[in-house]
Every structure is written in C-alpha cells, then in structure tokens.
Amino acid sequence: MNFDDWLRAFAAELHQRRVATDAARHVVAEAATHLREGGGDPWQVFGPPQAYAAAIVESIGTAPGTSAGTPGAPCSPGTSPAVRARS
C-alpha cells in the first residue's frame, strides 16, 4: 500500500466511523501534509489506517447526531486533531 492508498483507506475509515465530512477532510489533509513534509512510510508514522481513524474518533468524535464514538473536545488553538491523536 503506497502513500495515496493509505490516505484513501484512512479517509474511508473516517467516513465509515461517521466523522464529519469537513473534519475528515481536514485530518486527511493534515496527515498528507505531515507525510509530504516529513517523509516516511504512513504505516510507520501513523500505523494502520483503521487504528489511526479510531484514534481520531476518540480525539474529535463523530458528526452530530451519529451513534458511533463519543464527541470529543474541540482542538486547542494550534493543535490539530491529527497531532492530538498521536499524542
């Protein structure tokens, strides 16, 4: 699985877990930027797309009105959901 395949799988996992569309796009874009700027294999940096999506759901929750996950607290200024999930 290459870089683009990992990002597609990650985006699909976020969608399946009912993360709000705008939030999912933002998190996927941040992951892509992090990988482009820092290099590295997404499997080594973030782990399996399924596991990373689960961490994101724990961090930011799901879209309002969905039953999957628990809504999370908003991000602190300067702290992205992607970074908080890895912490």
Protein backbone atom coordinates (compact mmCIF):
# COMPACT_ATOMS: atom_id res chain seq x y z
CA MET A 1 0.00 0.00 0.00
CA ASN A 2 1.54 3.28 -1.09
CA PHE A 3 1.13 6.79 0.33
CA ASP A 4 -2.01 7.60 -1.70
CA ASP A 5 -3.60 4.21 -0.99
CA TRP A 6 -3.02 4.70 2.74
CA LEU A 7 -4.65 8.15 2.64
CA ARG A 8 -7.65 6.79 0.71
CA ALA A 9 -8.04 3.94 3.18
CA PHE A 10 -7.75 6.38 6.08
CA ALA A 11 -10.39 8.68 4.56
CA ALA A 12 -12.70 5.71 4.01
CA GLU A 13 -12.25 4.63 7.64
CA LEU A 14 -13.11 8.12 8.88
CA HIS A 15 -16.23 8.13 6.70
CA GLN A 16 -17.23 4.68 7.91
CA ARG A 17 -16.82 5.86 11.50
CA ARG A 18 -19.08 8.83 10.74
CA VAL A 19 -16.56 11.61 11.27
CA ALA A 20 -18.00 14.90 9.98
CA THR A 21 -17.02 15.42 6.34
CA ASP A 22 -15.22 18.73 6.89
CA ALA A 23 -13.33 17.35 9.89
CA ALA A 24 -12.34 14.22 7.95
CA ARG A 25 -11.06 16.28 5.01
CA HIS A 26 -9.06 18.45 7.39
CA VAL A 27 -7.49 15.50 9.20
CA VAL A 28 -6.64 13.69 5.95
CA ALA A 29 -5.10 16.87 4.53
CA GLU A 30 -3.02 17.34 7.68
CA ALA A 31 -1.84 13.74 7.56
CA ALA A 32 -0.90 14.16 3.88
CA THR A 33 0.99 17.38 4.62
CA HIS A 34 2.81 15.78 7.53
CA LEU A 35 3.86 12.84 5.37
CA ARG A 36 4.95 15.04 2.46
CA GLU A 37 6.98 17.38 4.65
CA GLY A 38 8.48 14.77 6.94
CA GLY A 39 8.68 11.88 4.54
CA GLY A 40 8.31 8.38 5.79
CA ASP A 41 6.01 5.47 5.38
CA PRO A 42 2.45 6.21 6.59
CA TRP A 43 2.39 2.76 8.24
CA GLN A 44 5.42 3.72 10.30
CA VAL A 45 4.30 7.28 11.02
CA PHE A 46 0.59 6.69 11.79
CA GLY A 47 0.11 2.92 11.80
CA PRO A 48 -2.75 1.10 10.08
CA PRO A 49 -5.45 3.42 8.68
CA GLN A 50 -8.09 1.64 10.78
CA ALA A 51 -6.21 2.18 14.04
CA TYR A 52 -5.40 5.81 13.27
CA ALA A 53 -9.03 6.51 12.33
CA ALA A 54 -10.10 5.01 15.66
CA ALA A 55 -7.67 7.33 17.47
CA ILE A 56 -9.05 10.31 15.56
CA VAL A 57 -12.62 9.37 16.53
CA GLU A 58 -11.54 9.19 20.17
CA SER A 59 -9.97 12.61 19.81
CA ILE A 60 -12.58 14.57 17.83
CA GLY A 61 -15.70 12.41 17.91
CA THR A 62 -18.21 11.92 15.14
CA ALA A 63 -20.67 14.11 13.29
CA PRO A 64 -23.55 15.39 15.45
CA GLY A 65 -26.47 13.01 15.62
CA THR A 66 -24.47 9.84 14.95
CA SER A 67 -24.17 6.93 17.30
CA ALA A 68 -20.56 5.91 16.60
CA GLY A 69 -17.97 7.27 19.01
CA THR A 70 -18.20 9.97 21.61
CA PRO A 71 -17.94 13.61 20.64
CA GLY A 72 -14.55 14.99 21.66
CA ALA A 73 -13.48 18.36 22.86
CA PRO A 74 -12.60 20.98 20.28
CA CYS A 75 -8.95 21.35 19.38
CA SER A 76 -6.87 23.79 21.29
CA PRO A 77 -5.56 26.65 19.17
CA GLY A 78 -2.53 25.47 17.25
CA THR A 79 -3.20 21.79 17.94
CA SER A 80 -4.61 19.77 15.08
CA PRO A 81 -6.74 16.66 15.56
CA ALA A 82 -4.06 14.63 13.79
CA VAL A 83 -1.39 15.76 16.24
CA ARG A 84 -3.65 15.30 19.29
CA ALA A 85 -4.49 11.73 18.21
CA ARG A 86 -0.79 10.80 18.04
CA SER A 87 -0.08 12.28 21.47
